[in-house]
Amino acid sequence: MTILPRHKDVAKSRLNLRNPWHLLATGFGSGLSPVVPGTMGSLAAIPFWYLMTFLPWQLYSLVVMFGICIGVYLCHQTAKDMGVHDHGSIVWDEFIGMWITLMALPTTDWQWVAAGFVIFRILDIVETLADPLV
């Protein structure tokens, strides 16, 4: 669905970061960035990923699966509250995507994290560009 810029502002004005669903869906507000909200959401996911690296991999996996399950509801509810479908400020999918991407890293060295971030963003952008073709 194409949204005119004016409508995006109206949709954003319907967000309430005191609502826990909206807060999570917008990546704790990172998706509200006026430029590249998906990239900001991906960056905001990294500190949470780092904390998750201290968990056993089984628990890490459960956290990701729980994030996917709860994310379906919270993103749907937030989009419904905003009155639009898949608004750019909804970046919970970037959080989950980064956690899955970074889960595969052999180490937490910043070079690996940067590589994972860049690869994830490239693939996410390509997927977004290909979406209208479907």
Protein backbone atom coordinates (compact mmCIF):
# COMPACT_ATOMS: atom_id res chain seq x y z
CA MET A 1 0.00 0.00 0.00
CA THR A 2 1.40 3.39 -0.95
CA ILE A 3 1.07 6.05 1.70
CA LEU A 4 1.45 9.72 0.92
CA PRO A 5 3.90 11.58 3.19
CA ARG A 6 1.07 13.52 4.82
CA HIS A 7 -0.62 10.26 5.83
CA LYS A 8 2.60 8.92 7.32
CA ASP A 9 2.68 11.90 9.68
CA VAL A 10 -0.92 11.23 10.69
CA ALA A 11 -0.12 7.56 11.25
CA LYS A 12 2.94 8.41 13.35
CA SER A 13 0.87 10.79 15.45
CA ARG A 14 -1.31 7.83 16.45
CA LEU A 15 1.62 6.12 18.17
CA ASN A 16 1.78 6.12 21.94
CA LEU A 17 5.14 4.97 23.30
CA ARG A 18 3.51 4.44 26.69
CA ASN A 19 1.67 1.56 25.03
CA PRO A 20 4.03 -1.44 25.40
CA TRP A 21 3.00 -2.84 21.99
CA HIS A 22 3.85 0.43 20.26
CA LEU A 23 7.10 0.75 22.21
CA LEU A 24 8.26 -2.73 21.17
CA ALA A 25 6.98 -2.46 17.58
CA THR A 26 8.96 0.75 17.07
CA GLY A 27 12.11 -0.83 18.50
CA PHE A 28 11.94 1.25 21.69
CA GLY A 29 11.44 4.34 19.53
CA SER A 30 14.33 3.67 17.14
CA GLY A 31 11.90 3.26 14.24
CA LEU A 32 10.75 6.85 14.70
CA SER A 33 13.98 8.14 13.19
CA PRO A 34 13.15 10.52 10.31
CA VAL A 35 15.86 8.89 8.19
CA VAL A 36 16.46 5.17 7.60
CA PRO A 37 14.23 3.86 10.41
CA GLY A 38 14.94 0.24 9.46
CA THR A 39 18.66 0.80 9.79
CA MET A 40 18.16 2.56 13.13
CA GLY A 41 16.03 -0.35 14.31
CA SER A 42 18.74 -2.80 13.25
CA LEU A 43 21.36 -0.80 15.15
CA ALA A 44 19.15 -0.61 18.23
CA ALA A 45 18.82 -4.41 18.22
CA ILE A 46 22.58 -4.91 18.69
CA PRO A 47 22.82 -4.07 22.44
CA PHE A 48 19.93 -6.45 23.15
CA TRP A 49 21.66 -9.13 21.07
CA TYR A 50 24.86 -8.62 23.03
CA LEU A 51 23.03 -9.20 26.32
CA MET A 52 21.45 -12.32 24.82
CA THR A 53 24.90 -13.74 23.98
CA PHE A 54 25.33 -14.50 27.68
CA LEU A 55 22.38 -16.91 27.52
CA PRO A 56 22.78 -20.60 26.64
CA TRP A 57 22.01 -21.03 22.92
CA GLN A 58 18.84 -22.97 23.75
CA LEU A 59 17.45 -20.08 25.80
CA TYR A 60 18.62 -17.57 23.16
CA SER A 61 16.64 -19.58 20.59
CA LEU A 62 13.55 -19.56 22.81
CA VAL A 63 13.82 -15.78 23.25
CA VAL A 64 13.98 -15.36 19.46
CA MET A 65 11.01 -17.70 18.92
CA PHE A 66 9.02 -15.86 21.60
CA GLY A 67 9.99 -12.56 19.92
CA ILE A 68 8.67 -13.85 16.60
CA CYS A 69 5.39 -15.02 18.12
CA ILE A 70 4.74 -11.88 20.15
CA GLY A 71 5.96 -9.75 17.23
CA VAL A 72 3.18 -10.96 14.95
CA TYR A 73 0.62 -9.60 17.39
CA LEU A 74 2.37 -6.41 18.42
CA CYS A 75 3.18 -5.35 14.84
CA HIS A 76 -0.36 -6.13 13.68
CA GLN A 77 -1.88 -4.24 16.61
CA THR A 78 0.42 -1.24 16.17
CA ALA A 79 -0.27 -1.05 12.42
CA LYS A 80 -3.99 -1.29 13.14
CA ASP A 81 -3.77 1.48 15.75
CA MET A 82 -1.84 3.63 13.25
CA GLY A 83 -4.39 2.94 10.51
CA VAL A 84 -1.78 1.77 7.99
CA HIS A 85 -0.21 -1.47 6.83
CA ASP A 86 3.52 -2.01 7.47
CA HIS A 87 4.49 1.53 8.45
CA GLY A 88 8.24 2.23 8.25
CA SER A 89 8.43 3.01 11.96
CA ILE A 90 7.49 -0.58 12.84
CA VAL A 91 10.93 -2.17 13.14
CA TRP A 92 10.39 -5.19 15.40
CA ASP A 93 11.12 -7.40 12.38
CA GLU A 94 14.55 -5.73 12.16
CA PHE A 95 15.18 -6.66 15.80
CA ILE A 96 14.29 -10.29 15.19
CA GLY A 97 16.17 -10.40 11.88
CA MET A 98 19.31 -9.01 13.50
CA TRP A 99 19.08 -11.45 16.40
CA ILE A 100 18.80 -14.36 13.96
CA THR A 101 21.62 -13.02 11.77
CA LEU A 102 23.97 -12.36 14.69
CA MET A 103 23.12 -15.71 16.27
CA ALA A 104 25.23 -17.32 13.54
CA LEU A 105 28.38 -15.34 14.40
CA PRO A 106 31.36 -17.32 15.68
CA THR A 107 32.34 -14.48 18.03
CA THR A 108 31.15 -11.12 19.37
CA ASP A 109 34.08 -9.21 17.83
CA TRP A 110 32.89 -5.91 16.42
CA GLN A 111 34.13 -6.77 12.90
CA TRP A 112 31.81 -9.78 12.79
CA VAL A 113 28.93 -7.74 14.18
CA ALA A 114 29.54 -5.01 11.58
CA ALA A 115 29.65 -7.61 8.78
CA GLY A 116 26.41 -9.20 10.00
CA PHE A 117 24.77 -5.78 10.23
CA VAL A 118 25.82 -4.77 6.70
CA ILE A 119 24.77 -8.09 5.16
CA PHE A 120 21.42 -8.00 6.97
CA ARG A 121 20.71 -4.42 5.87
CA ILE A 122 21.64 -5.15 2.24
CA LEU A 123 19.33 -8.17 2.15
CA ASP A 124 16.54 -6.29 3.93
CA ILE A 125 16.77 -3.38 1.48
CA VAL A 126 16.86 -5.70 -1.55
CA GLU A 127 13.81 -7.53 -0.18
CA THR A 128 11.99 -4.21 0.24
CA LEU A 129 12.83 -3.15 -3.32
CA ALA A 130 11.65 -6.51 -4.69
CA ASP A 131 8.36 -6.38 -2.71
CA PRO A 132 6.42 -4.23 -5.26
CA LEU A 133 7.34 -6.73 -7.97
CA VAL A 134 5.43 -9.53 -6.25
